[in-house]
Protein backbone atom coordinates (compact mmCIF):
# COMPACT_ATOMS: atom_id res chain seq x y z
CA MET A 1 0.01 0.00 0.02
CA ALA A 2 1.26 3.47 -0.89
CA GLY A 3 2.28 5.77 1.92
CA PRO A 4 1.22 9.36 2.28
CA VAL A 5 4.14 10.89 0.47
CA GLN A 6 3.79 8.45 -2.41
CA GLN A 7 0.08 9.20 -2.66
CA GLU A 8 0.71 12.94 -2.55
CA MET A 9 3.34 12.64 -5.35
CA GLU A 10 0.92 10.67 -7.50
CA GLN A 11 -1.88 13.15 -7.02
CA LEU A 12 0.32 16.23 -7.76
CA LEU A 13 1.73 14.59 -10.95
CA ARG A 14 -1.71 13.48 -12.18
CA GLU A 15 -3.19 16.94 -11.67
CA ALA A 16 -0.27 18.77 -13.35
CA PHE A 17 0.34 16.47 -16.28
CA ALA A 18 -2.62 14.15 -16.87
CA PRO A 19 -0.07 11.45 -17.75
CA SER A 20 -0.76 8.55 -19.99
CA ARG A 21 1.59 6.53 -17.75
CA LEU A 22 2.65 7.15 -14.13
CA ASP A 23 4.57 4.93 -11.95
CA VAL A 24 5.77 6.19 -8.59
CA ILE A 25 8.02 3.40 -7.23
CA ASN A 26 9.06 3.40 -3.61
CA ASP A 27 12.70 2.22 -3.61
CA SER A 28 13.26 2.96 0.10
CA ALA A 29 13.63 -0.70 1.15
CA ASN A 30 16.60 -1.01 -1.20
CA HIS A 31 18.35 1.84 0.76
CA HIS A 32 17.56 0.73 4.36
CA GLY A 33 20.41 1.78 6.59
CA HIS A 34 22.09 3.91 3.93
CA ALA A 35 22.55 7.64 3.76
CA GLY A 36 19.19 9.44 3.66
CA ASP A 37 17.21 6.58 5.16
CA ASP A 38 15.11 8.40 7.75
CA GLY A 39 13.20 5.31 8.83
CA SER A 40 9.92 6.56 7.36
CA GLY A 41 9.94 3.98 4.57
CA GLU A 42 9.44 6.84 2.08
CA SER A 43 12.94 8.23 1.55
CA HIS A 44 13.82 7.04 -2.03
CA PHE A 45 11.62 7.01 -5.10
CA THR A 46 11.64 6.51 -8.84
CA VAL A 47 9.08 8.31 -11.01
CA VAL A 48 8.35 7.07 -14.47
CA ILE A 49 5.93 9.41 -16.18
CA GLU A 50 4.75 9.78 -19.77
CA ALA A 51 2.86 13.01 -20.69
CA GLU A 52 2.21 15.22 -23.62
CA ALA A 53 3.69 18.14 -21.67
CA PHE A 54 7.20 16.65 -22.19
CA ALA A 55 7.09 16.77 -25.94
CA GLY A 56 9.87 18.92 -27.33
CA GLN A 57 11.40 19.29 -23.84
CA SER A 58 15.00 18.34 -22.91
CA ARG A 59 15.66 15.74 -20.25
CA LEU A 60 16.73 18.47 -17.88
CA SER A 61 13.64 20.56 -18.60
CA ARG A 62 11.45 17.58 -17.90
CA GLN A 63 13.10 16.84 -14.59
CA ARG A 64 12.76 20.51 -13.55
CA LEU A 65 9.03 20.43 -14.39
CA VAL A 66 8.55 17.30 -12.28
CA ASN A 67 10.55 18.76 -9.39
CA LYS A 68 8.74 22.07 -9.51
CA THR A 69 5.37 20.27 -9.44
CA LEU A 70 6.42 18.19 -6.40
CA GLY A 71 7.35 21.31 -4.45
CA ASP A 72 9.14 20.56 -1.15
CA ILE A 73 8.98 16.80 -1.47
CA PRO A 74 12.31 16.28 -3.35
CA GLY A 75 15.27 17.21 -1.13
CA GLU A 76 13.19 17.97 2.02
CA ARG A 77 10.75 15.16 2.60
CA VAL A 78 12.34 12.62 0.18
CA HIS A 79 16.07 12.06 0.13
CA ALA A 80 16.42 10.78 -3.41
CA LEU A 81 14.16 10.97 -6.44
CA ALA A 82 15.01 9.38 -9.87
CA ILE A 83 12.89 10.76 -12.66
CA ARG A 84 12.30 9.20 -16.10
CA ALA A 85 10.01 11.51 -18.04
CA PHE A 86 8.89 10.87 -21.60
CA ALA A 87 6.62 12.21 -24.21
CA PRO A 88 4.04 9.84 -25.76
CA GLY A 89 5.62 7.54 -28.33
CA GLU A 90 9.05 7.78 -26.89
CA SER A 91 10.74 4.61 -25.57
CA THR A 92 10.35 4.03 -21.89
């Protein structure tokens, strides 16, 4: 079951991008005991998102859009966030 941070991330990304694909993957268990593991079980995530908004955008621009949408979550409430953002029709 998704925790509150994961649920908030999913909601924010759905509202901002209306993605055709969205996977918010909690990787925290793989980092238990490592740097950034705060014991919450929600410290490390991977986001895979496909949305029309990313068409014509560079990889860096896409990551900035996702980070901006998530507000204070990356870097403050989540230690690590990997982002794979694609436009429809691009290879995922």
